[in-house]
Protein backbone atom coordinates (compact mmCIF):
# COMPACT_ATOMS: atom_id res chain seq x y z
CA UNK A 1 -2.93 -19.97 -12.85
CA UNK A 2 -3.14 -16.83 -15.20
CA UNK A 3 -0.12 -14.74 -14.57
CA UNK A 4 -0.98 -11.25 -13.19
CA UNK A 5 -0.22 -8.55 -15.67
CA UNK A 6 2.48 -6.15 -14.85
CA UNK A 7 0.32 -3.05 -15.40
CA UNK A 8 -3.15 -1.62 -15.04
CA UNK A 9 -3.51 -2.90 -11.33
CA UNK A 10 -3.17 -0.93 -8.51
CA UNK A 11 -0.22 -1.59 -5.88
CA UNK A 12 -2.65 -3.00 -3.23
CA UNK A 13 -4.47 -4.94 -5.44
CA UNK A 14 -1.55 -6.75 -7.08
CA UNK A 15 -0.17 -7.07 -3.45
CA UNK A 16 -3.52 -8.86 -2.23
CA UNK A 17 -3.48 -11.11 -5.53
CA UNK A 18 0.18 -12.24 -5.31
CA UNK A 19 0.22 -12.84 -1.50
CA UNK A 20 -3.04 -15.27 -2.25
CA UNK A 21 -1.16 -16.86 -5.00
CA UNK A 22 1.92 -17.40 -2.64
CA UNK A 23 -0.33 -19.02 -0.20
CA UNK A 24 -2.05 -21.18 -2.86
CA UNK A 25 1.10 -22.31 -4.24
CA UNK A 26 2.59 -22.74 -0.67
CA UNK A 27 -0.52 -24.94 0.02
CA UNK A 28 0.45 -27.35 -3.01
CA UNK A 29 3.96 -27.45 -1.95
CA UNK A 30 5.52 -25.49 -4.98
CA UNK A 31 8.44 -24.02 -3.35
CA UNK A 32 9.73 -21.93 -6.44
CA UNK A 33 6.46 -20.58 -7.34
CA UNK A 34 5.76 -19.52 -3.60
CA UNK A 35 8.81 -17.93 -3.22
CA UNK A 36 8.15 -15.88 -6.69
CA UNK A 37 5.03 -14.66 -5.30
CA UNK A 38 6.19 -13.73 -2.21
CA UNK A 39 9.04 -11.42 -3.86
CA UNK A 40 6.17 -10.26 -6.17
CA UNK A 41 3.80 -9.45 -3.17
CA UNK A 42 6.76 -7.56 -1.47
CA UNK A 43 7.80 -5.52 -4.50
CA UNK A 44 3.97 -4.87 -4.81
CA UNK A 45 3.58 -3.95 -1.14
CA UNK A 46 6.63 -1.45 -1.53
CA UNK A 47 4.82 0.21 -4.07
CA UNK A 48 1.60 1.05 -2.05
CA UNK A 49 0.87 4.59 -1.46
CA UNK A 50 -1.45 4.81 1.42
CA UNK A 51 -3.03 8.13 0.31
CA UNK A 52 -4.32 6.35 -2.79
CA UNK A 53 -6.06 3.83 -0.94
CA UNK A 54 -10.11 4.55 -0.96
CA UNK A 55 -10.97 5.91 2.49
CA UNK A 56 -13.48 3.05 3.13
CA UNK A 57 -10.08 0.75 3.26
CA UNK A 58 -8.38 2.99 5.47
CA UNK A 59 -9.44 1.87 8.41
CA UNK A 60 -8.10 -1.53 7.56
CA UNK A 61 -4.59 -0.07 6.80
CA UNK A 62 -4.17 0.05 10.52
CA UNK A 63 -0.86 -1.87 11.19
CA UNK A 64 -0.01 -1.55 7.41
CA UNK A 65 3.57 -3.12 7.48
CA UNK A 66 1.87 -6.18 9.38
CA UNK A 67 -0.26 -7.31 6.56
CA UNK A 68 2.98 -7.80 4.31
CA UNK A 69 4.33 -9.95 7.25
CA UNK A 70 0.97 -11.74 8.05
CA UNK A 71 0.45 -12.76 4.20
CA UNK A 72 4.02 -13.80 3.48
CA UNK A 73 3.97 -15.40 6.88
CA UNK A 74 0.86 -17.44 5.69
CA UNK A 75 2.09 -18.38 2.24
CA UNK A 76 5.62 -19.60 4.12
CA UNK A 77 3.56 -21.52 6.86
CA UNK A 78 1.59 -23.47 4.21
CA UNK A 79 4.86 -24.28 2.54
CA UNK A 80 6.60 -25.23 5.65
CA UNK A 81 3.97 -27.80 6.11
CA UNK A 82 5.25 -29.47 3.33
CA UNK A 83 8.86 -29.94 4.80
CA UNK A 84 10.76 -26.61 3.82
CA UNK A 85 12.80 -25.68 6.62
CA UNK A 86 13.55 -22.31 5.22
CA UNK A 87 10.37 -21.41 4.65
CA UNK A 88 9.58 -22.44 8.27
CA UNK A 89 12.22 -20.08 9.64
CA UNK A 90 11.15 -17.07 7.65
CA UNK A 91 7.30 -18.09 8.35
CA UNK A 92 8.33 -17.67 12.14
CA UNK A 93 10.04 -14.56 11.62
CA UNK A 94 7.28 -12.80 9.42
CA UNK A 95 4.50 -13.99 11.69
CA UNK A 96 6.21 -12.65 14.94
CA UNK A 97 6.73 -9.53 13.18
CA UNK A 98 2.87 -9.39 12.23
CA UNK A 99 1.94 -10.24 15.83
CA UNK A 100 4.08 -7.20 16.85
CA UNK A 101 2.66 -4.66 14.03
CA UNK A 102 -0.96 -4.93 14.09
CA UNK A 103 -2.68 -2.70 16.20
CA UNK A 104 -5.13 -3.65 19.20
CA UNK A 105 -8.21 -3.14 17.10
CA UNK A 106 -6.84 -6.19 14.68
CA UNK A 107 -7.46 -9.16 17.51
CA UNK A 108 -8.52 -11.57 14.69
CA UNK A 109 -5.46 -10.90 12.47
CA UNK A 110 -3.32 -11.33 15.56
CA UNK A 111 -5.10 -14.48 16.74
CA UNK A 112 -4.90 -16.12 13.63
CA UNK A 113 -1.02 -15.58 13.15
CA UNK A 114 -0.45 -16.66 16.69
CA UNK A 115 -2.21 -20.14 16.04
CA UNK A 116 0.25 -20.39 12.90
CA UNK A 117 3.33 -19.35 15.10
CA UNK A 118 2.27 -21.79 17.74
CA UNK A 119 2.06 -24.85 15.50
CA UNK A 120 5.48 -23.76 13.87
CA UNK A 121 6.98 -23.74 17.18
CA UNK A 122 5.46 -26.95 18.10
CA UNK A 123 6.79 -28.46 14.63
CA UNK A 124 10.37 -27.32 15.91
CA UNK A 125 10.10 -29.00 19.06
CA UNK A 126 9.76 -25.97 21.21
CA UNK A 127 6.66 -27.25 23.21
CA UNK A 128 6.85 -24.42 25.94
CA UNK A 129 7.04 -21.58 23.79
CA UNK A 130 4.32 -22.86 21.40
CA UNK A 131 1.94 -23.75 24.40
CA UNK A 132 2.68 -20.14 25.75
CA UNK A 133 1.57 -18.75 22.24
CA UNK A 134 -1.40 -21.11 21.96
CA UNK A 135 -2.66 -19.55 25.46
CA UNK A 136 -2.43 -16.00 24.32
CA UNK A 137 -4.15 -16.81 21.01
CA UNK A 138 -6.97 -19.13 23.10
CA UNK A 139 -7.22 -16.34 25.55
CA UNK A 140 -7.85 -13.42 22.64
CA UNK A 141 -9.57 -15.76 20.23
CA UNK A 142 -12.14 -17.49 22.45
CA UNK A 143 -13.91 -13.89 22.74
CA UNK A 144 -14.22 -13.52 18.87
CA UNK A 145 -17.17 -14.59 17.08
CA UNK A 146 -15.41 -16.07 13.74
CA UNK A 147 -15.73 -19.39 12.14
CA UNK A 148 -12.29 -19.05 10.85
CA UNK A 149 -10.62 -18.38 14.31
CA UNK A 150 -12.89 -21.07 16.01
CA UNK A 151 -11.47 -23.51 13.14
CA UNK A 152 -7.87 -22.11 14.02
CA UNK A 153 -8.17 -22.66 17.73
CA UNK A 154 -9.28 -25.92 17.32
CA UNK A 155 -5.66 -26.86 15.92
CA UNK A 156 -4.44 -26.00 19.42
CA UNK A 157 -6.57 -28.45 21.07
CA UNK A 158 -3.59 -31.33 21.16
CA UNK A 159 -1.02 -28.43 22.12
CA UNK A 160 -2.90 -27.01 24.96
CA UNK A 161 -3.72 -30.45 26.57
CA UNK A 162 -0.16 -31.51 26.87
């Protein structure tokens, strides 16, 4: 991948790009690149000034801290599927933080984080807790009209059937 230049990009843009790259590297199992881009995303997130975000984007900044936790959690969730226990533990913490931080108007983001958290808990052998989180995700998610949420919820069928 082409490196993201240090200058010239707004911190919010840098945050999004580094978060997406962290998830891509996690998906292919490149642990060092995943962790590097997680750190870069966190550094960019810390530099974001909400007053500099365009007005049309501000409604989506609700639960602002949750975005960093969700994006890092997603990247580490992807990496954990390749066998990284450290990534699994951190993903669990970050997804829990995102779920707590997103506002009530962010049901889709919460449900998608709950799905990943339920799958992590299941992989760790915590089936009761995994099923409890999966039920919450399914209850809220079945009311949403989203192909991504529907695909995520389909991943919980085996867990909910047990």
